[in-house]
Amino acid sequence: MAMWLNQSSTDDFILLGIFSYSPRDLLLFSVVMLVFTAALFGNALLILLICTDPRLHTPMYFFLSQLSLMDIMLVCTNVPKMAVNFLSGKKSISFVGCGIQIGLFVCLVGSEGLLLGLMAYDRYVAISHPLRYPVLMNQKVCLQIIGSSWAFGIADGLVQMVVVMTFPYCSLREVDHFFCEMLSLLKLACVDTSLFEKIVFFCCIFMLLFPFSIIVASYTRILGTVLHMHSAKSQKKALATCSSHMAAVSFFYGAAMFIYLRPRQYRTPSQDKMVSIFYTVLTPMLNPLIYSLRNRDVIGALQKGLDRCRVGSQP
């Protein structure tokens, strides 16, 4: 850490960013900032509703509150610095700041990916074993799921941050991205990083495909249970319960797999930056919408909160 602090004063990186100052890019920047604000507000509101409404004190909403917390931290890791650099015209980021961005980003993406996978298991238990659900998903199990998700992400983030920031970097320190994205940074290293990149590639395969396999296995079993239901109403309710989670999974894993599981020769900075905007800003905004607009419990909690505010504001 002392070595990092010594380097930070003279060895800043330059983030080339994603926007120029053309009218079109100014409009796109404004849209991104609106989406960022909506993501913060939507996820914070969802956490507030889950914490204050007793009807939402269930495992599914506990997991959802953690997902919202991860989304808030994810958008705050990259977007504020991008906005400050764009508005000030300064594109630099310190060596330490770059390392922190890498560590936080990898940690949050890894934690969220695993949590989404384990949330699929929660839906499987709720639909396939409803009578045993309180036992199988008790408080201890819920805390273990959350703890393992955070621990997995933190460990991965710390390892990758330390390794990446110990590489020597050449004098031209222009990162072709809007944040310190690990693979973009490795292109500037003065040493051969191909071995580490291969290790990272296989780690990404594990980090994405392991939770994804849990999701596929869980929803395969859920589908089998739904098909054996004799009531059309029960089938519709079960599928509606899973649809929100499947939408969130599709957005997150689709974008992450597109970026990190493509062969290197097919990667382009422009594509990576646009897709990164999608799943670091747009997906965190969509998650609370996906889980609230189609969820009667969340809508009911929101209406109850609004009614309480109206009563409190009356003289």
C-alpha atoms as a PDB file:
ATOM      1  CA  MET A   1       0.000   0.000   0.000  1.00  0.00           C
ATOM      2  CA  ALA A   2       2.872   2.384   0.753  1.00  0.00           C
ATOM      3  CA  MET A   3       4.224   1.735  -2.743  1.00  0.00           C
ATOM      4  CA  TRP A   4       0.795   2.591  -4.205  1.00  0.00           C
ATOM      5  CA  LEU A   5       0.620   5.858  -2.242  1.00  0.00           C
ATOM      6  CA  ASN A   6       4.083   6.858  -3.450  1.00  0.00           C
ATOM      7  CA  GLN A   7       3.111   6.237  -7.072  1.00  0.00           C
ATOM      8  CA  SER A   8      -0.222   8.014  -6.889  1.00  0.00           C
ATOM      9  CA  SER A   9       1.237  11.511  -6.860  1.00  0.00           C
ATOM     10  CA  THR A  10       3.149  11.174 -10.133  1.00  0.00           C
ATOM     11  CA  ASP A  11       1.750   8.167 -11.969  1.00  0.00           C
ATOM     12  CA  ASP A  12      -1.876   9.050 -12.611  1.00  0.00           C
ATOM     13  CA  PHE A  13      -3.835   7.314 -15.359  1.00  0.00           C
ATOM     14  CA  ILE A  14      -5.830   9.115 -18.029  1.00  0.00           C
ATOM     15  CA  LEU A  15      -9.379   7.911 -18.625  1.00  0.00           C
ATOM     16  CA  LEU A  16     -10.232   8.643 -22.256  1.00  0.00           C
ATOM     17  CA  GLY A  17     -13.914   8.311 -21.420  1.00  0.00           C
ATOM     18  CA  ILE A  18     -16.876   7.584 -23.642  1.00  0.00           C
ATOM     19  CA  PHE A  19     -18.279  11.036 -24.430  1.00  0.00           C
ATOM     20  CA  SER A  20     -16.946  13.951 -26.466  1.00  0.00           C
ATOM     21  CA  TYR A  21     -18.382  17.452 -26.265  1.00  0.00           C
ATOM     22  CA  SER A  22     -20.538  17.185 -29.381  1.00  0.00           C
ATOM     23  CA  PRO A  23     -24.273  17.955 -29.038  1.00  0.00           C
ATOM     24  CA  ARG A  24     -25.121  14.273 -29.451  1.00  0.00           C
ATOM     25  CA  ASP A  25     -22.708  13.156 -26.725  1.00  0.00           C
ATOM     26  CA  LEU A  26     -23.869  15.949 -24.412  1.00  0.00           C
ATOM     27  CA  LEU A  27     -27.393  14.582 -24.770  1.00  0.00           C
ATOM     28  CA  LEU A  28     -26.178  11.018 -24.124  1.00  0.00           C
ATOM     29  CA  PHE A  29     -24.274  12.199 -21.051  1.00  0.00           C
ATOM     30  CA  SER A  30     -27.436  13.856 -19.736  1.00  0.00           C
ATOM     31  CA  VAL A  31     -29.376  10.632 -20.295  1.00  0.00           C
ATOM     32  CA  VAL A  32     -26.736   8.602 -18.433  1.00  0.00           C
ATOM     33  CA  MET A  33     -26.892  11.005 -15.482  1.00  0.00           C
ATOM     34  CA  LEU A  34     -30.693  10.765 -15.401  1.00  0.00           C
ATOM     35  CA  VAL A  35     -30.450   6.973 -15.427  1.00  0.00           C
ATOM     36  CA  PHE A  36     -27.807   7.149 -12.665  1.00  0.00           C
ATOM     37  CA  THR A  37     -30.090   9.334 -10.533  1.00  0.00           C
ATOM     38  CA  ALA A  38     -33.029   7.004 -11.154  1.00  0.00           C
ATOM     39  CA  ALA A  39     -30.887   3.995 -10.196  1.00  0.00           C
ATOM     40  CA  LEU A  40     -29.870   5.617  -6.906  1.00  0.00           C
ATOM     41  CA  PHE A  41     -33.397   6.736  -6.062  1.00  0.00           C
ATOM     42  CA  GLY A  42     -35.098   3.489  -7.137  1.00  0.00           C
ATOM     43  CA  ASN A  43     -32.747   1.176  -5.241  1.00  0.00           C
ATOM     44  CA  ALA A  44     -32.694   3.384  -2.126  1.00  0.00           C
ATOM     45  CA  LEU A  45     -36.507   3.493  -2.133  1.00  0.00           C
ATOM     46  CA  LEU A  46     -36.706  -0.279  -2.505  1.00  0.00           C
ATOM     47  CA  ILE A  47     -34.337  -0.797   0.439  1.00  0.00           C
ATOM     48  CA  LEU A  48     -36.388   1.651   2.528  1.00  0.00           C
ATOM     49  CA  LEU A  49     -39.671  -0.112   1.735  1.00  0.00           C
ATOM     50  CA  ILE A  50     -38.201  -3.542   2.513  1.00  0.00           C
ATOM     51  CA  CYS A  51     -36.789  -2.343   5.838  1.00  0.00           C
ATOM     52  CA  THR A  52     -39.933  -0.516   7.007  1.00  0.00           C
ATOM     53  CA  ASP A  53     -42.783  -2.773   5.837  1.00  0.00           C
ATOM     54  CA  PRO A  54     -43.203  -5.988   7.905  1.00  0.00           C
ATOM     55  CA  ARG A  55     -44.894  -7.731   4.939  1.00  0.00           C
ATOM     56  CA  LEU A  56     -41.590  -7.560   3.075  1.00  0.00           C
ATOM     57  CA  HIS A  57     -39.554  -9.176   5.844  1.00  0.00           C
ATOM     58  CA  THR A  58     -39.125 -12.436   3.945  1.00  0.00           C
ATOM     59  CA  PRO A  59     -36.021 -14.135   2.490  1.00  0.00           C
ATOM     60  CA  MET A  60     -36.794 -13.049  -1.086  1.00  0.00           C
ATOM     61  CA  TYR A  61     -37.000  -9.371  -0.140  1.00  0.00           C
ATOM     62  CA  PHE A  62     -33.976  -9.656   2.128  1.00  0.00           C
ATOM     63  CA  PHE A  63     -31.987 -10.864  -0.869  1.00  0.00           C
ATOM     64  CA  LEU A  64     -33.523  -8.127  -2.986  1.00  0.00           C
ATOM     65  CA  SER A  65     -32.434  -5.453  -0.494  1.00  0.00           C
ATOM     66  CA  GLN A  66     -28.861  -6.739  -0.743  1.00  0.00           C
ATOM     67  CA  LEU A  67     -29.084  -6.722  -4.541  1.00  0.00           C
ATOM     68  CA  SER A  68     -30.212  -3.087  -4.398  1.00  0.00           C
ATOM     69  CA  LEU A  69     -27.330  -2.230  -2.053  1.00  0.00           C
ATOM     70  CA  MET A  70     -24.873  -3.811  -4.494  1.00  0.00           C
ATOM     71  CA  ASP A  71     -26.435  -1.847  -7.370  1.00  0.00           C
ATOM     72  CA  ILE A  72     -26.125   1.456  -5.491  1.00  0.00           C
ATOM     73  CA  MET A  73     -22.463   0.766  -4.743  1.00  0.00           C
ATOM     74  CA  LEU A  74     -21.857  -0.337  -8.349  1.00  0.00           C
ATOM     75  CA  VAL A  75     -23.183   2.854  -9.947  1.00  0.00           C
ATOM     76  CA  CYS A  76     -21.333   4.973  -7.381  1.00  0.00           C
ATOM     77  CA  THR A  77     -18.034   3.211  -8.119  1.00  0.00           C
ATOM     78  CA  ASN A  78     -17.691   4.508 -11.673  1.00  0.00           C
ATOM     79  CA  VAL A  79     -20.302   7.094 -12.681  1.00  0.00           C
ATOM     80  CA  PRO A  80     -19.474   9.987 -10.297  1.00  0.00           C
ATOM     81  CA  LYS A  81     -15.800   9.953 -11.340  1.00  0.00           C
ATOM     82  CA  MET A  82     -16.799   9.782 -14.994  1.00  0.00           C
ATOM     83  CA  ALA A  83     -19.123  12.765 -14.513  1.00  0.00           C
ATOM     84  CA  VAL A  84     -16.508  14.822 -12.651  1.00  0.00           C
ATOM     85  CA  ASN A  85     -13.902  14.165 -15.345  1.00  0.00           C
ATOM     86  CA  PHE A  86     -16.347  15.039 -18.130  1.00  0.00           C
ATOM     87  CA  LEU A  87     -17.615  18.259 -16.529  1.00  0.00           C
ATOM     88  CA  SER A  88     -14.186  19.470 -15.383  1.00  0.00           C
ATOM     89  CA  GLY A  89     -12.339  18.500 -18.555  1.00  0.00           C
ATOM     90  CA  LYS A  90      -9.760  16.656 -16.435  1.00  0.00           C
ATOM     91  CA  LYS A  91      -9.477  12.992 -17.320  1.00  0.00           C
ATOM     92  CA  SER A  92      -6.957  11.827 -14.746  1.00  0.00           C
ATOM     93  CA  ILE A  93      -7.428   9.289 -11.964  1.00  0.00           C
ATOM     94  CA  SER A  94      -4.817   8.546  -9.325  1.00  0.00           C
ATOM     95  CA  PHE A  95      -3.003   5.234  -9.102  1.00  0.00           C
ATOM     96  CA  VAL A  96      -4.725   4.445  -5.795  1.00  0.00           C
ATOM     97  CA  GLY A  97      -8.105   5.567  -7.142  1.00  0.00           C
ATOM     98  CA  CYS A  98      -7.678   3.297 -10.140  1.00  0.00           C
ATOM     99  CA  GLY A  99      -6.880   0.340  -7.888  1.00  0.00           C
ATOM    100  CA  ILE A 100      -9.920   1.043  -5.704  1.00  0.00           C
ATOM    101  CA  GLN A 101     -12.177   1.203  -8.769  1.00  0.00           C
ATOM    102  CA  ILE A 102     -10.908  -2.164 -10.005  1.00  0.00           C
ATOM    103  CA  GLY A 103     -11.309  -3.797  -6.597  1.00  0.00           C
ATOM    104  CA  LEU A 104     -14.821  -2.450  -5.994  1.00  0.00           C
ATOM    105  CA  PHE A 105     -16.032  -3.185  -9.509  1.00  0.00           C
ATOM    106  CA  VAL A 106     -14.823  -6.809  -9.526  1.00  0.00           C
ATOM    107  CA  CYS A 107     -16.135  -7.319  -5.986  1.00  0.00           C
ATOM    108  CA  LEU A 108     -19.620  -5.996  -6.736  1.00  0.00           C
ATOM    109  CA  VAL A 109     -20.014  -7.740 -10.094  1.00  0.00           C
ATOM    110  CA  GLY A 110     -18.885 -11.046  -8.574  1.00  0.00           C
ATOM    111  CA  SER A 111     -21.118 -10.671  -5.512  1.00  0.00           C
ATOM    112  CA  GLU A 112     -24.156  -9.693  -7.555  1.00  0.00           C
ATOM    113  CA  GLY A 113     -23.649 -12.539 -10.019  1.00  0.00           C
ATOM    114  CA  LEU A 114     -23.507 -15.149  -7.261  1.00  0.00           C
ATOM    115  CA  LEU A 115     -26.443 -13.599  -5.400  1.00  0.00           C
ATOM    116  CA  LEU A 116     -28.606 -13.727  -8.528  1.00  0.00           C
ATOM    117  CA  GLY A 117     -27.744 -17.407  -8.844  1.00  0.00           C
ATOM    118  CA  LEU A 118     -28.627 -18.174  -5.230  1.00  0.00           C
ATOM    119  CA  MET A 119     -31.858 -16.173  -5.533  1.00  0.00           C
ATOM    120  CA  ALA A 120     -32.908 -18.687  -8.209  1.00  0.00           C
ATOM    121  CA  TYR A 121     -32.476 -21.451  -5.616  1.00  0.00           C
ATOM    122  CA  ASP A 122     -34.719 -19.449  -3.265  1.00  0.00           C
ATOM    123  CA  ARG A 123     -37.436 -19.337  -5.944  1.00  0.00           C
ATOM    124  CA  TYR A 124     -37.050 -23.075  -6.524  1.00  0.00           C
ATOM    125  CA  VAL A 125     -37.588 -23.846  -2.828  1.00  0.00           C
ATOM    126  CA  ALA A 126     -40.547 -21.451  -2.620  1.00  0.00           C
ATOM    127  CA  ILE A 127     -42.355 -23.051  -5.582  1.00  0.00           C
ATOM    128  CA  SER A 128     -41.301 -26.686  -5.389  1.00  0.00           C
ATOM    129  CA  HIS A 129     -41.272 -27.056  -1.565  1.00  0.00           C
ATOM    130  CA  PRO A 130     -43.647 -24.354  -0.242  1.00  0.00           C
ATOM    131  CA  LEU A 131     -44.470 -26.183   2.992  1.00  0.00           C
ATOM    132  CA  ARG A 132     -40.789 -26.639   3.870  1.00  0.00           C
ATOM    133  CA  TYR A 133     -39.785 -23.136   2.722  1.00  0.00           C
ATOM    134  CA  PRO A 134     -39.606 -21.580   6.251  1.00  0.00           C
ATOM    135  CA  VAL A 135     -37.305 -24.418   7.341  1.00  0.00           C
ATOM    136  CA  LEU A 136     -35.126 -24.654   4.232  1.00  0.00           C
ATOM    137  CA  MET A 137     -34.748 -20.862   3.962  1.00  0.00           C
ATOM    138  CA  ASN A 138     -34.426 -19.967   7.627  1.00  0.00           C
ATOM    139  CA  GLN A 139     -32.527 -16.933   8.907  1.00  0.00           C
ATOM    140  CA  LYS A 140     -29.240 -18.809   9.211  1.00  0.00           C
ATOM    141  CA  VAL A 141     -29.405 -20.034   5.599  1.00  0.00           C
ATOM    142  CA  CYS A 142     -30.273 -16.536   4.362  1.00  0.00           C
ATOM    143  CA  LEU A 143     -27.300 -15.026   6.185  1.00  0.00           C
ATOM    144  CA  GLN A 144     -25.040 -17.749   4.791  1.00  0.00           C
ATOM    145  CA  ILE A 145     -26.223 -16.978   1.247  1.00  0.00           C
ATOM    146  CA  ILE A 146     -25.621 -13.247   1.670  1.00  0.00           C
ATOM    147  CA  GLY A 147     -22.314 -13.778   3.474  1.00  0.00           C
ATOM    148  CA  SER A 148     -20.987 -16.173   0.834  1.00  0.00           C
ATOM    149  CA  SER A 149     -21.979 -13.780  -1.958  1.00  0.00           C
ATOM    150  CA  TRP A 150     -20.142 -10.860  -0.372  1.00  0.00           C
ATOM    151  CA  ALA A 151     -17.139 -12.983   0.664  1.00  0.00           C
ATOM    152  CA  PHE A 152     -16.787 -14.443  -2.837  1.00  0.00           C
ATOM    153  CA  GLY A 153     -16.856 -10.997  -4.451  1.00  0.00           C
ATOM    154  CA  ILE A 154     -14.548  -9.345  -1.895  1.00  0.00           C
ATOM    155  CA  ALA A 155     -11.929 -12.095  -2.178  1.00  0.00           C
ATOM    156  CA  ASP A 156     -11.970 -11.969  -5.975  1.00  0.00           C
ATOM    157  CA  GLY A 157     -11.833  -8.159  -6.003  1.00  0.00           C
ATOM    158  CA  LEU A 158      -8.903  -7.981  -3.600  1.00  0.00           C
ATOM    159  CA  VAL A 159      -6.847 -10.593  -5.466  1.00  0.00           C
ATOM    160  CA  GLN A 160      -7.374  -9.031  -8.884  1.00  0.00           C
ATOM    161  CA  MET A 161      -6.790  -5.497  -7.579  1.00  0.00           C
ATOM    162  CA  VAL A 162      -3.487  -6.402  -5.923  1.00  0.00           C
ATOM    163  CA  VAL A 163      -2.171  -8.357  -8.918  1.00  0.00           C
ATOM    164  CA  VAL A 164      -3.179  -5.766 -11.533  1.00  0.00           C
ATOM    165  CA  MET A 165      -1.754  -2.843  -9.571  1.00  0.00           C
ATOM    166  CA  THR A 166       1.611  -4.542  -9.025  1.00  0.00           C
ATOM    167  CA  PHE A 167       2.328  -4.684 -12.763  1.00  0.00           C
ATOM    168  CA  PRO A 168       4.662  -1.950 -14.081  1.00  0.00           C
ATOM    169  CA  TYR A 169       2.929   0.438 -16.481  1.00  0.00           C
ATOM    170  CA  CYS A 170       4.510   2.335 -19.344  1.00  0.00           C
ATOM    171  CA  SER A 171       4.694   6.092 -19.693  1.00  0.00           C
ATOM    172  CA  LEU A 172       1.613   6.310 -21.944  1.00  0.00           C
ATOM    173  CA  ARG A 173      -1.105   5.751 -19.362  1.00  0.00           C
ATOM    174  CA  GLU A 174      -4.251   6.369 -21.390  1.00  0.00           C
ATOM    175  CA  VAL A 175      -7.005   3.915 -20.441  1.00  0.00           C
ATOM    176  CA  ASP A 176      -9.460   3.569 -23.332  1.00  0.00           C
ATOM    177  CA  HIS A 177     -12.496   3.402 -21.059  1.00  0.00           C
ATOM    178  CA  PHE A 178     -14.599   5.620 -18.780  1.00  0.00           C
ATOM    179  CA  PHE A 179     -13.335   3.847 -15.640  1.00  0.00           C
ATOM    180  CA  CYS A 180     -10.337   1.707 -14.651  1.00  0.00           C
ATOM    181  CA  GLU A 181     -11.564  -1.477 -16.274  1.00  0.00           C
ATOM    182  CA  MET A 182      -9.071  -4.257 -15.618  1.00  0.00           C
ATOM    183  CA  LEU A 183      -8.648  -5.629 -19.156  1.00  0.00           C
ATOM    184  CA  SER A 184      -8.272  -2.109 -20.589  1.00  0.00           C
ATOM    185  CA  LEU A 185      -5.617  -1.319 -17.987  1.00  0.00           C
ATOM    186  CA  LEU A 186      -3.623  -4.481 -18.699  1.00  0.00           C
ATOM    187  CA  LYS A 187      -3.046  -3.287 -22.272  1.00  0.00           C
ATOM    188  CA  LEU A 188      -0.794  -0.552 -20.810  1.00  0.00           C
ATOM    189  CA  ALA A 189       1.455  -2.895 -18.824  1.00  0.00           C
ATOM    190  CA  CYS A 190       5.141  -2.962 -19.705  1.00  0.00           C
ATOM    191  CA  VAL A 191       5.350  -6.720 -19.130  1.00  0.00           C
ATOM    192  CA  ASP A 192       3.664  -9.738 -20.669  1.00  0.00           C
ATOM    193  CA  THR A 193       0.318 -10.214 -18.899  1.00  0.00           C
ATOM    194  CA  SER A 194      -1.031 -12.990 -21.135  1.00  0.00           C
ATOM    195  CA  LEU A 195      -0.801 -15.646 -18.402  1.00  0.00           C
ATOM    196  CA  PHE A 196      -2.712 -13.492 -15.941  1.00  0.00           C
ATOM    197  CA  GLU A 197      -5.302 -12.637 -18.618  1.00  0.00           C
ATOM    198  CA  LYS A 198      -5.842 -16.350 -19.257  1.00  0.00           C
ATOM    199  CA  ILE A 199      -6.302 -16.932 -15.529  1.00  0.00           C
ATOM    200  CA  VAL A 200      -8.766 -14.035 -15.383  1.00  0.00           C
ATOM    201  CA  PHE A 201     -10.628 -15.461 -18.379  1.00  0.00           C
ATOM    202  CA  PHE A 202     -11.062 -18.831 -16.678  1.00  0.00           C
ATOM    203  CA  CYS A 203     -12.031 -17.069 -13.439  1.00  0.00           C
ATOM    204  CA  CYS A 204     -14.702 -15.144 -15.369  1.00  0.00           C
ATOM    205  CA  ILE A 205     -15.977 -18.395 -16.832  1.00  0.00           C
ATOM    206  CA  PHE A 206     -16.299 -19.809 -13.313  1.00  0.00           C
ATOM    207  CA  MET A 207     -17.785 -16.606 -11.841  1.00  0.00           C
ATOM    208  CA  LEU A 208     -20.412 -16.415 -14.565  1.00  0.00           C
ATOM    209  CA  LEU A 209     -21.133 -20.037 -15.401  1.00  0.00           C
ATOM    210  CA  PHE A 210     -21.221 -21.375 -11.824  1.00  0.00           C
ATOM    211  CA  PRO A 211     -24.090 -19.086 -10.711  1.00  0.00           C
ATOM    212  CA  PHE A 212     -25.677 -19.446 -14.153  1.00  0.00           C
ATOM    213  CA  SER A 213     -25.658 -23.239 -13.754  1.00  0.00           C
ATOM    214  CA  ILE A 214     -27.476 -22.821 -10.425  1.00  0.00           C
ATOM    215  CA  ILE A 215     -30.047 -20.663 -12.212  1.00  0.00           C
ATOM    216  CA  VAL A 216     -30.535 -23.177 -15.043  1.00  0.00           C
ATOM    217  CA  ALA A 217     -30.824 -26.105 -12.617  1.00  0.00           C
ATOM    218  CA  SER A 218     -33.254 -24.231 -10.361  1.00  0.00           C
ATOM    219  CA  TYR A 219     -35.512 -23.086 -13.187  1.00  0.00           C
ATOM    220  CA  THR A 220     -35.461 -26.518 -14.819  1.00  0.00           C
ATOM    221  CA  ARG A 221     -36.838 -27.958 -11.592  1.00  0.00           C
ATOM    222  CA  ILE A 222     -39.282 -25.055 -11.254  1.00  0.00           C
ATOM    223  CA  LEU A 223     -40.571 -25.694 -14.774  1.00  0.00           C
ATOM    224  CA  GLY A 224     -41.063 -29.376 -13.931  1.00  0.00           C
ATOM    225  CA  THR A 225     -43.045 -28.398 -10.822  1.00  0.00           C
ATOM    226  CA  VAL A 226     -45.158 -25.867 -12.741  1.00  0.00           C
ATOM    227  CA  LEU A 227     -46.025 -28.394 -15.457  1.00  0.00           C
ATOM    228  CA  HIS A 228     -47.338 -30.784 -12.803  1.00  0.00           C
ATOM    229  CA  MET A 229     -49.606 -28.150 -11.274  1.00  0.00           C
ATOM    230  CA  HIS A 230     -53.266 -28.862 -11.997  1.00  0.00           C
ATOM    231  CA  SER A 231     -54.445 -25.289 -11.491  1.00  0.00           C
ATOM    232  CA  ALA A 232     -53.854 -22.769 -14.270  1.00  0.00           C
ATOM    233  CA  LYS A 233     -53.991 -20.009 -11.665  1.00  0.00           C
ATOM    234  CA  SER A 234     -51.208 -21.661  -9.659  1.00  0.00           C
ATOM    235  CA  GLN A 235     -49.098 -22.045 -12.800  1.00  0.00           C
ATOM    236  CA  LYS A 236     -49.576 -18.379 -13.679  1.00  0.00           C
ATOM    237  CA  LYS A 237     -48.697 -17.266 -10.144  1.00  0.00           C
ATOM    238  CA  ALA A 238     -45.551 -19.420 -10.066  1.00  0.00           C
ATOM    239  CA  LEU A 239     -44.341 -18.122 -13.428  1.00  0.00           C
ATOM    240  CA  ALA A 240     -45.099 -14.515 -12.425  1.00  0.00           C
ATOM    241  CA  THR A 241     -43.037 -15.017  -9.263  1.00  0.00           C
ATOM    242  CA  CYS A 242     -40.017 -16.050 -11.348  1.00  0.00           C
ATOM    243  CA  SER A 243     -40.388 -13.649 -14.283  1.00  0.00           C
ATOM    244  CA  SER A 244     -38.884 -10.640 -12.489  1.00  0.00           C
ATOM    245  CA  HIS A 245     -35.819 -12.596 -11.428  1.00  0.00           C
ATOM    246  CA  MET A 246     -35.364 -14.051 -14.911  1.00  0.00           C
ATOM    247  CA  ALA A 247     -35.509 -10.566 -16.447  1.00  0.00           C
ATOM    248  CA  ALA A 248     -32.809  -9.292 -14.047  1.00  0.00           C
ATOM    249  CA  VAL A 249     -30.663 -12.373 -14.735  1.00  0.00           C
ATOM    250  CA  SER A 250     -30.984 -11.922 -18.509  1.00  0.00           C
ATOM    251  CA  PHE A 251     -29.840  -8.294 -18.414  1.00  0.00           C
ATOM    252  CA  PHE A 252     -26.916  -8.900 -16.048  1.00  0.00           C
ATOM    253  CA  TYR A 253     -25.552 -12.146 -17.450  1.00  0.00           C
ATOM    254  CA  GLY A 254     -26.172 -11.217 -21.082  1.00  0.00           C
ATOM    255  CA  ALA A 255     -24.033  -8.088 -20.823  1.00  0.00           C
ATOM    256  CA  ALA A 256     -21.345  -9.666 -18.610  1.00  0.00           C
ATOM    257  CA  MET A 257     -20.937 -12.695 -20.877  1.00  0.00           C
ATOM    258  CA  PHE A 258     -20.753 -10.480 -23.942  1.00  0.00           C
ATOM    259  CA  ILE A 259     -17.838  -8.535 -22.465  1.00  0.00           C
ATOM    260  CA  TYR A 260     -15.817 -11.147 -20.597  1.00  0.00           C
ATOM    261  CA  LEU A 261     -16.386 -14.407 -22.471  1.00  0.00           C
ATOM    262  CA  ARG A 262     -15.593 -13.176 -25.966  1.00  0.00           C
ATOM    263  CA  PRO A 263     -12.209 -14.062 -27.469  1.00  0.00           C
ATOM    264  CA  ARG A 264      -9.752 -11.181 -27.290  1.00  0.00           C
ATOM    265  CA  GLN A 265      -9.588 -10.708 -31.070  1.00  0.00           C
ATOM    266  CA  TYR A 266     -13.296  -9.884 -31.174  1.00  0.00           C
ATOM    267  CA  ARG A 267     -13.144  -7.239 -28.457  1.00  0.00           C
ATOM    268  CA  THR A 268     -13.294  -3.545 -29.376  1.00  0.00           C
ATOM    269  CA  PRO A 269     -13.058  -0.635 -26.903  1.00  0.00           C
ATOM    270  CA  SER A 270     -16.180   1.073 -28.265  1.00  0.00           C
ATOM    271  CA  GLN A 271     -18.326  -2.038 -27.824  1.00  0.00           C
ATOM    272  CA  ASP A 272     -16.928  -2.713 -24.358  1.00  0.00           C
ATOM    273  CA  LYS A 273     -17.641   0.844 -23.210  1.00  0.00           C
ATOM    274  CA  MET A 274     -21.230   0.844 -24.485  1.00  0.00           C
ATOM    275  CA  VAL A 275     -22.042  -2.549 -22.940  1.00  0.00           C
ATOM    276  CA  SER A 276     -20.329  -1.486 -19.695  1.00  0.00           C
ATOM    277  CA  ILE A 277     -22.657   1.528 -19.539  1.00  0.00           C
ATOM    278  CA  PHE A 278     -25.549  -0.899 -19.970  1.00  0.00           C
ATOM    279  CA  TYR A 279     -24.807  -3.205 -17.074  1.00  0.00           C
ATOM    280  CA  THR A 280     -23.101  -0.738 -14.705  1.00  0.00           C
ATOM    281  CA  VAL A 281     -25.760   2.002 -14.997  1.00  0.00           C
ATOM    282  CA  LEU A 282     -28.858   0.859 -16.886  1.00  0.00           C
ATOM    283  CA  THR A 283     -29.257  -2.578 -15.264  1.00  0.00           C
ATOM    284  CA  PRO A 284     -29.094  -1.156 -11.686  1.00  0.00           C
ATOM    285  CA  MET A 285     -31.878   1.255 -12.684  1.00  0.00           C
ATOM    286  CA  LEU A 286     -33.988  -1.499 -14.247  1.00  0.00           C
ATOM    287  CA  ASN A 287     -33.706  -3.928 -11.324  1.00  0.00           C
ATOM    288  CA  PRO A 288     -35.963  -1.984  -8.884  1.00  0.00           C
ATOM    289  CA  LEU A 289     -38.444  -1.342 -11.698  1.00  0.00           C
ATOM    290  CA  ILE A 290     -38.510  -5.012 -12.665  1.00  0.00           C
ATOM    291  CA  TYR A 291     -39.046  -6.162  -9.087  1.00  0.00           C
ATOM    292  CA  SER A 292     -41.546  -3.463  -8.079  1.00  0.00           C
ATOM    293  CA  LEU A 293     -43.846  -2.815 -11.047  1.00  0.00           C
ATOM    294  CA  ARG A 294     -44.882  -6.466 -11.249  1.00  0.00           C
ATOM    295  CA  ASN A 295     -44.953  -7.081  -7.513  1.00  0.00           C
ATOM    296  CA  ARG A 296     -48.131  -6.390  -5.573  1.00  0.00           C
ATOM    297  CA  ASP A 297     -46.389  -6.523  -2.199  1.00  0.00           C
ATOM    298  CA  VAL A 298     -43.901  -3.801  -3.142  1.00  0.00           C
ATOM    299  CA  ILE A 299     -46.600  -1.637  -4.737  1.00  0.00           C
ATOM    300  CA  GLY A 300     -48.751  -2.120  -1.633  1.00  0.00           C
ATOM    301  CA  ALA A 301     -45.860  -1.098   0.620  1.00  0.00           C
ATOM    302  CA  LEU A 302     -45.268   2.001  -1.520  1.00  0.00           C
ATOM    303  CA  GLN A 303     -48.938   2.988  -1.395  1.00  0.00           C
ATOM    304  CA  LYS A 304     -48.963   2.462   2.362  1.00  0.00           C
ATOM    305  CA  GLY A 305     -45.906   4.695   2.720  1.00  0.00           C
ATOM    306  CA  LEU A 306     -47.437   7.401   0.538  1.00  0.00           C
ATOM    307  CA  ASP A 307     -50.693   7.301   2.529  1.00  0.00           C
ATOM    308  CA  ARG A 308     -48.687   7.649   5.726  1.00  0.00           C
ATOM    309  CA  CYS A 309     -46.899  10.692   4.296  1.00  0.00           C
ATOM    310  CA  ARG A 310     -50.212  12.289   3.272  1.00  0.00           C
ATOM    311  CA  VAL A 311     -51.688  11.777   6.724  1.00  0.00           C
ATOM    312  CA  GLY A 312     -48.581  13.167   8.367  1.00  0.00           C
ATOM    313  CA  SER A 313     -48.560  16.266   6.142  1.00  0.00           C
ATOM    314  CA  GLN A 314     -52.192  17.162   6.883  1.00  0.00           C
ATOM    315  CA  PRO A 315     -52.684  19.928   9.479  1.00  0.00           C
END
